[in-house]
PDB file of N, CA and C in Angstrom:
ATOM      1  N   ARG A   1     288.726  61.225   5.537  1.00  0.00           N
ATOM      2  CA  ARG A   1     287.663  60.507   6.220  1.00  0.00           C
ATOM      3  C   ARG A   1     287.679  60.908   7.690  1.00  0.00           C
ATOM      4  N   LEU A   2     286.510  61.250   8.190  1.00  0.00           N
ATOM      5  CA  LEU A   2     286.321  61.575   9.590  1.00  0.00           C
ATOM      6  C   LEU A   2     285.236  60.657  10.121  1.00  0.00           C
ATOM      7  N   ARG A   3     285.551  59.974  11.189  1.00  0.00           N
ATOM      8  CA  ARG A   3     284.593  59.045  11.781  1.00  0.00           C
ATOM      9  C   ARG A   3     284.325  59.464  13.220  1.00  0.00           C
ATOM     10  N   VAL A   4     283.047  59.523  13.584  1.00  0.00           N
ATOM     11  CA  VAL A   4     282.654  59.880  14.946  1.00  0.00           C
ATOM     12  C   VAL A   4     281.767  58.769  15.485  1.00  0.00           C
ATOM     13  N   ASP A   5     282.188  58.188  16.606  1.00  0.00           N
ATOM     14  CA  ASP A   5     281.434  57.117  17.255  1.00  0.00           C
ATOM     15  C   ASP A   5     280.923  57.622  18.605  1.00  0.00           C
ATOM     16  N   ASP A   6     279.755  57.128  19.006  1.00  0.00           N
ATOM     17  CA  ASP A   6     279.296  57.390  20.363  1.00  0.00           C
ATOM     18  C   ASP A   6     279.073  56.062  21.072  1.00  0.00           C
ATOM     19  N   ASN A   7     278.706  56.132  22.317  1.00  0.00           N
ATOM     20  CA  ASN A   7     278.470  54.909  23.093  1.00  0.00           C
ATOM     21  C   ASN A   7     277.080  54.937  23.720  1.00  0.00           C
ATOM     22  N   ALA A   8     276.116  55.484  22.975  1.00  0.00           N
ATOM     23  CA  ALA A   8     274.761  55.664  23.496  1.00  0.00           C
ATOM     24  C   ALA A   8     273.789  54.577  23.051  1.00  0.00           C
ATOM     25  N   GLY A   9     274.295  53.449  22.596  1.00  0.00           N
ATOM     26  CA  GLY A   9     273.422  52.332  22.260  1.00  0.00           C
ATOM     27  C   GLY A   9     273.016  52.217  20.805  1.00  0.00           C
ATOM     28  N   GLY A  10     273.290  53.237  20.004  1.00  0.00           N
ATOM     29  CA  GLY A  10     272.994  53.160  18.574  1.00  0.00           C
ATOM     30  C   GLY A  10     271.627  53.705  18.206  1.00  0.00           C
ATOM     31  N   ILE A  11     271.317  53.576  16.936  1.00  0.00           N
ATOM     32  CA  ILE A  11     270.075  54.075  16.353  1.00  0.00           C
ATOM     33  C   ILE A  11     269.214  52.875  15.983  1.00  0.00           C
ATOM     34  N   ASP A  12     267.939  52.972  16.265  1.00  0.00           N
ATOM     35  CA  ASP A  12     267.018  51.888  15.915  1.00  0.00           C
ATOM     36  C   ASP A  12     267.243  51.527  14.442  1.00  0.00           C
ATOM     37  N   PRO A  13     267.560  50.275  14.131  1.00  0.00           N
ATOM     38  CA  PRO A  13     267.842  49.880  12.746  1.00  0.00           C
ATOM     39  C   PRO A  13     266.724  50.226  11.766  1.00  0.00           C
ATOM     40  N   ARG A  14     265.482  50.288  12.252  1.00  0.00           N
ATOM     41  CA  ARG A  14     264.363  50.648  11.365  1.00  0.00           C
ATOM     42  C   ARG A  14     264.421  52.114  10.950  1.00  0.00           C
ATOM     43  N   LEU A  15     265.176  52.932  11.677  1.00  0.00           N
ATOM     44  CA  LEU A  15     265.264  54.358  11.382  1.00  0.00           C
ATOM     45  C   LEU A  15     266.484  54.727  10.545  1.00  0.00           C
ATOM     46  N   LEU A  16     267.454  53.842  10.465  1.00  0.00           N
ATOM     47  CA  LEU A  16     268.703  54.158   9.765  1.00  0.00           C
ATOM     48  C   LEU A  16     268.488  54.581   8.312  1.00  0.00           C
ATOM     49  N   GLU A  17     267.555  53.962   7.616  1.00  0.00           N
ATOM     50  CA  GLU A  17     267.353  54.295   6.207  1.00  0.00           C
ATOM     51  C   GLU A  17     266.668  55.646   6.022  1.00  0.00           C
ATOM     52  N   ARG A  18     266.101  56.203   7.079  1.00  0.00           N
ATOM     53  CA  ARG A  18     265.382  57.484   6.975  1.00  0.00           C
ATOM     54  C   ARG A  18     266.133  58.645   7.614  1.00  0.00           C
ATOM     55  N   ILE A  19     267.242  58.380   8.244  1.00  0.00           N
ATOM     56  CA  ILE A  19     267.875  59.369   9.118  1.00  0.00           C
ATOM     57  C   ILE A  19     268.308  60.657   8.400  1.00  0.00           C
ATOM     58  N   PHE A  20     268.560  60.597   7.100  1.00  0.00           N
ATOM     59  CA  PHE A  20     268.990  61.783   6.362  1.00  0.00           C
ATOM     60  C   PHE A  20     267.840  62.463   5.613  1.00  0.00           C
ATOM     61  N   GLU A  21     266.612  61.994   5.793  1.00  0.00           N
ATOM     62  CA  GLU A  21     265.452  62.608   5.140  1.00  0.00           C
ATOM     63  C   GLU A  21     265.150  63.965   5.780  1.00  0.00           C
ATOM     64  N   PRO A  22     264.818  64.969   4.951  1.00  0.00           N
ATOM     65  CA  PRO A  22     264.429  66.269   5.520  1.00  0.00           C
ATOM     66  C   PRO A  22     263.208  66.130   6.433  1.00  0.00           C
ATOM     67  N   PHE A  23     263.251  66.807   7.547  1.00  0.00           N
ATOM     68  CA  PHE A  23     262.169  66.888   8.533  1.00  0.00           C
ATOM     69  C   PHE A  23     261.925  65.592   9.308  1.00  0.00           C
ATOM     70  N   PHE A  24     262.780  64.593   9.137  1.00  0.00           N
ATOM     71  CA  PHE A  24     262.639  63.365   9.921  1.00  0.00           C
ATOM     72  C   PHE A  24     263.288  63.587  11.285  1.00  0.00           C
ATOM     73  N   THR A  25     262.543  63.343  12.331  1.00  0.00           N
ATOM     74  CA  THR A  25     263.073  63.469  13.685  1.00  0.00           C
ATOM     75  C   THR A  25     262.403  62.448  14.595  1.00  0.00           C
ATOM     76  N   THR A  26     263.099  62.076  15.625  1.00  0.00           N
ATOM     77  CA  THR A  26     262.521  61.194  16.644  1.00  0.00           C
ATOM     78  C   THR A  26     262.164  61.994  17.883  1.00  0.00           C
ATOM     79  N   LYS A  27     262.422  63.291  17.847  1.00  0.00           N
ATOM     80  CA  LYS A  27     262.129  64.148  18.989  1.00  0.00           C
ATOM     81  C   LYS A  27     260.647  64.505  19.015  1.00  0.00           C
ATOM     82  N   PRO A  28     260.138  64.831  20.200  1.00  0.00           N
ATOM     83  CA  PRO A  28     258.739  65.262  20.305  1.00  0.00           C
ATOM     84  C   PRO A  28     258.498  66.542  19.503  1.00  0.00           C
ATOM     85  N   ILE A  29     257.259  66.774  19.130  1.00  0.00           N
ATOM     86  CA  ILE A  29     256.883  67.969  18.377  1.00  0.00           C
ATOM     87  C   ILE A  29     257.348  69.215  19.121  1.00  0.00           C
ATOM     88  N   GLY A  30     257.980  70.111  18.384  1.00  0.00           N
ATOM     89  CA  GLY A  30     258.459  71.365  18.949  1.00  0.00           C
ATOM     90  C   GLY A  30     259.876  71.322  19.480  1.00  0.00           C
ATOM     91  N   LEU A  31     260.507  70.150  19.481  1.00  0.00           N
ATOM     92  CA  LEU A  31     261.860  70.039  20.022  1.00  0.00           C
ATOM     93  C   LEU A  31     262.924  69.754  18.969  1.00  0.00           C
ATOM     94  N   GLY A  32     262.553  69.789  17.723  1.00  0.00           N
ATOM     95  CA  GLY A  32     263.530  69.577  16.666  1.00  0.00           C
ATOM     96  C   GLY A  32     262.889  69.726  15.310  1.00  0.00           C
ATOM     97  N   THR A  33     263.669  70.195  14.346  1.00  0.00           N
ATOM     98  CA  THR A  33     263.118  70.389  13.002  1.00  0.00           C
ATOM     99  C   THR A  33     263.372  69.206  12.092  1.00  0.00           C
ATOM    100  N   GLY A  34     264.345  68.382  12.434  1.00  0.00           N
ATOM    101  CA  GLY A  34     264.675  67.262  11.570  1.00  0.00           C
ATOM    102  C   GLY A  34     265.440  67.691  10.332  1.00  0.00           C
ATOM    103  N   LEU A  35     266.144  68.814  10.426  1.00  0.00           N
ATOM    104  CA  LEU A  35     266.882  69.308   9.266  1.00  0.00           C
ATOM    105  C   LEU A  35     268.395  69.152   9.385  1.00  0.00           C
ATOM    106  N   GLY A  36     268.926  69.006  10.573  1.00  0.00           N
ATOM    107  CA  GLY A  36     270.374  68.993  10.778  1.00  0.00           C
ATOM    108  C   GLY A  36     271.117  67.967   9.940  1.00  0.00           C
ATOM    109  N   LEU A  37     270.716  66.716  10.024  1.00  0.00           N
ATOM    110  CA  LEU A  37     271.413  65.671   9.271  1.00  0.00           C
ATOM    111  C   LEU A  37     271.137  65.773   7.779  1.00  0.00           C
ATOM    112  N   SER A  38     269.941  66.210   7.414  1.00  0.00           N
ATOM    113  CA  SER A  38     269.612  66.376   6.003  1.00  0.00           C
ATOM    114  C   SER A  38     270.458  67.477   5.368  1.00  0.00           C
ATOM    115  N   VAL A  39     270.592  68.597   6.053  1.00  0.00           N
ATOM    116  CA  VAL A  39     271.423  69.703   5.550  1.00  0.00           C
ATOM    117  C   VAL A  39     272.882  69.269   5.479  1.00  0.00           C
ATOM    118  N   SER A  40     273.356  68.604   6.512  1.00  0.00           N
ATOM    119  CA  SER A  40     274.740  68.114   6.514  1.00  0.00           C
ATOM    120  C   SER A  40     274.985  67.176   5.344  1.00  0.00           C
ATOM    121  N   TYR A  41     274.044  66.276   5.109  1.00  0.00           N
ATOM    122  CA  TYR A  41     274.150  65.330   3.996  1.00  0.00           C
ATOM    123  C   TYR A  41     274.257  66.089   2.672  1.00  0.00           C
ATOM    124  N   GLY A  42     273.414  67.102   2.485  1.00  0.00           N
ATOM    125  CA  GLY A  42     273.421  67.879   1.248  1.00  0.00           C
ATOM    126  C   GLY A  42     274.717  68.630   1.033  1.00  0.00           C
ATOM    127  N   ILE A  43     275.250  69.243   2.080  1.00  0.00           N
ATOM    128  CA  ILE A  43     276.512  69.979   1.969  1.00  0.00           C
ATOM    129  C   ILE A  43     277.640  69.040   1.576  1.00  0.00           C
ATOM    130  N   ILE A  44     277.732  67.921   2.255  1.00  0.00           N
ATOM    131  CA  ILE A  44     278.810  66.958   1.972  1.00  0.00           C
ATOM    132  C   ILE A  44     278.652  66.375   0.578  1.00  0.00           C
ATOM    133  N   ASP A  45     277.419  66.077   0.173  1.00  0.00           N
ATOM    134  CA  ASP A  45     277.158  65.559  -1.172  1.00  0.00           C
ATOM    135  C   ASP A  45     277.570  66.580  -2.234  1.00  0.00           C
ATOM    136  N   ASN A  46     277.243  67.856  -2.014  1.00  0.00           N
ATOM    137  CA  ASN A  46     277.615  68.907  -2.971  1.00  0.00           C
ATOM    138  C   ASN A  46     279.120  69.088  -3.089  1.00  0.00           C
ATOM    139  N   MET A  47     279.850  68.686  -2.080  1.00  0.00           N
ATOM    140  CA  MET A  47     281.309  68.762  -2.113  1.00  0.00           C
ATOM    141  C   MET A  47     281.928  67.503  -2.731  1.00  0.00           C
ATOM    142  N   GLY A  48     281.076  66.607  -3.213  1.00  0.00           N
ATOM    143  CA  GLY A  48     281.565  65.369  -3.814  1.00  0.00           C
ATOM    144  C   GLY A  48     281.868  64.290  -2.796  1.00  0.00           C
ATOM    145  N   GLY A  49     281.374  64.467  -1.586  1.00  0.00           N
ATOM    146  CA  GLY A  49     281.658  63.516  -0.521  1.00  0.00           C
ATOM    147  C   GLY A  49     280.481  62.633  -0.192  1.00  0.00           C
ATOM    148  N   ARG A  50     280.616  61.986   0.946  1.00  0.00           N
ATOM    149  CA  ARG A  50     279.598  61.032   1.379  1.00  0.00           C
ATOM    150  C   ARG A  50     279.462  61.108   2.889  1.00  0.00           C
ATOM    151  N   LEU A  51     278.225  61.118   3.366  1.00  0.00           N
ATOM    152  CA  LEU A  51     277.931  61.036   4.793  1.00  0.00           C
ATOM    153  C   LEU A  51     277.151  59.750   5.014  1.00  0.00           C
ATOM    154  N   SER A  52     277.619  58.933   5.939  1.00  0.00           N
ATOM    155  CA  SER A  52     276.936  57.664   6.199  1.00  0.00           C
ATOM    156  C   SER A  52     276.814  57.443   7.702  1.00  0.00           C
ATOM    157  N   VAL A  53     275.919  56.538   8.058  1.00  0.00           N
ATOM    158  CA  VAL A  53     275.705  56.191   9.459  1.00  0.00           C
ATOM    159  C   VAL A  53     275.554  54.679   9.576  1.00  0.00           C
ATOM    160  N   SER A  54     276.023  54.147  10.675  1.00  0.00           N
ATOM    161  CA  SER A  54     275.856  52.728  10.965  1.00  0.00           C
ATOM    162  C   SER A  54     275.888  52.559  12.481  1.00  0.00           C
ATOM    163  N   ASN A  55     275.541  51.396  12.931  1.00  0.00           N
ATOM    164  CA  ASN A  55     275.623  51.075  14.349  1.00  0.00           C
ATOM    165  C   ASN A  55     276.847  50.216  14.605  1.00  0.00           C
ATOM    166  N   THR A  56     277.477  50.445  15.741  1.00  0.00           N
ATOM    167  CA  THR A  56     278.589  49.619  16.184  1.00  0.00           C
ATOM    168  C   THR A  56     278.118  48.829  17.403  1.00  0.00           C
ATOM    169  N   GLU A  57     279.015  48.132  18.014  1.00  0.00           N
ATOM    170  CA  GLU A  57     278.668  47.343  19.203  1.00  0.00           C
ATOM    171  C   GLU A  57     278.150  48.220  20.338  1.00  0.00           C
ATOM    172  N   HIS A  58     278.665  49.465  20.427  1.00  0.00           N
ATOM    173  CA  HIS A  58     278.332  50.322  21.563  1.00  0.00           C
ATOM    174  C   HIS A  58     277.435  51.509  21.231  1.00  0.00           C
ATOM    175  N   GLY A  59     277.353  51.881  19.955  1.00  0.00           N
ATOM    176  CA  GLY A  59     276.567  53.068  19.623  1.00  0.00           C
ATOM    177  C   GLY A  59     276.535  53.338  18.138  1.00  0.00           C
ATOM    178  N   ALA A  60     276.291  54.593  17.800  1.00  0.00           N
ATOM    179  CA  ALA A  60     276.198  55.009  16.399  1.00  0.00           C
ATOM    180  C   ALA A  60     277.565  55.461  15.884  1.00  0.00           C
ATOM    181  N   ARG A  61     277.755  55.320  14.594  1.00  0.00           N
ATOM    182  CA  ARG A  61     278.983  55.773  13.929  1.00  0.00           C
ATOM    183  C   ARG A  61     278.580  56.594  12.707  1.00  0.00           C
ATOM    184  N   PHE A  62     279.014  57.837  12.671  1.00  0.00           N
ATOM    185  CA  PHE A  62     278.839  58.688  11.500  1.00  0.00           C
ATOM    186  C   PHE A  62     280.185  58.825  10.819  1.00  0.00           C
ATOM    187  N   CYS A  63     280.175  58.736   9.507  1.00  0.00           N
ATOM    188  CA  CYS A  63     281.410  58.819   8.734  1.00  0.00           C
ATOM    189  C   CYS A  63     281.238  59.870   7.632  1.00  0.00           C
ATOM    190  N   VAL A  64     282.157  60.828   7.608  1.00  0.00           N
ATOM    191  CA  VAL A  64     282.205  61.850   6.564  1.00  0.00           C
ATOM    192  C   VAL A  64     283.419  61.542   5.690  1.00  0.00           C
ATOM    193  N   GLU A  65     283.183  61.368   4.408  1.00  0.00           N
ATOM    194  CA  GLU A  65     284.270  61.131   3.463  1.00  0.00           C
ATOM    195  C   GLU A  65     284.236  62.236   2.417  1.00  0.00           C
ATOM    196  N   LEU A  66     285.373  62.922   2.269  1.00  0.00           N
ATOM    197  CA  LEU A  66     285.494  64.003   1.292  1.00  0.00           C
ATOM    198  C   LEU A  66     286.633  63.694   0.336  1.00  0.00           C
ATOM    199  N   PRO A  67     286.491  64.122  -0.914  1.00  0.00           N
ATOM    200  CA  PRO A  67     287.559  63.863  -1.877  1.00  0.00           C
ATOM    201  C   PRO A  67     288.782  64.727  -1.590  1.00  0.00           C
ATOM    202  N   VAL A  68     289.929  64.209  -1.937  1.00  0.00           N
ATOM    203  CA  VAL A  68     291.174  64.966  -1.830  1.00  0.00           C
ATOM    204  C   VAL A  68     291.247  65.897  -3.022  1.00  0.00           C
ATOM    205  N   VAL A  69     291.506  67.164  -2.749  1.00  0.00           N
ATOM    206  CA  VAL A  69     291.591  68.144  -3.817  1.00  0.00           C
ATOM    207  C   VAL A  69     293.045  68.604  -3.921  1.00  0.00           C
ATOM    208  N   ALA A  70     293.641  68.353  -5.081  1.00  0.00           N
ATOM    209  CA  ALA A  70     295.027  68.783  -5.304  1.00  0.00           C
ATOM    210  C   ALA A  70     295.041  70.281  -5.605  1.00  0.00           C
ATOM    211  N   GLY A  71     295.976  70.964  -5.068  1.00  0.00           N
ATOM    212  CA  GLY A  71     295.982  72.401  -5.291  1.00  0.00           C
ATOM    213  C   GLY A  71     297.298  72.939  -5.378  1.00  0.00           C
TER     214      GLY A  71
END
């Protein structure tokens, strides 16, 4: 499990359910494709893991959880 927190105030709660959708962005036209989080979500999902986001008291929290692979 890898958790990354920021202190930038968080993500509008109305946007949290859409944040991993392809082409979803809050940036102005021409300043983002809205693919970064969607691609990341797909890669982690294909590895059997989970990518999630939530808000904390100070900002956003992204959590990457990957399965342990015995080798």
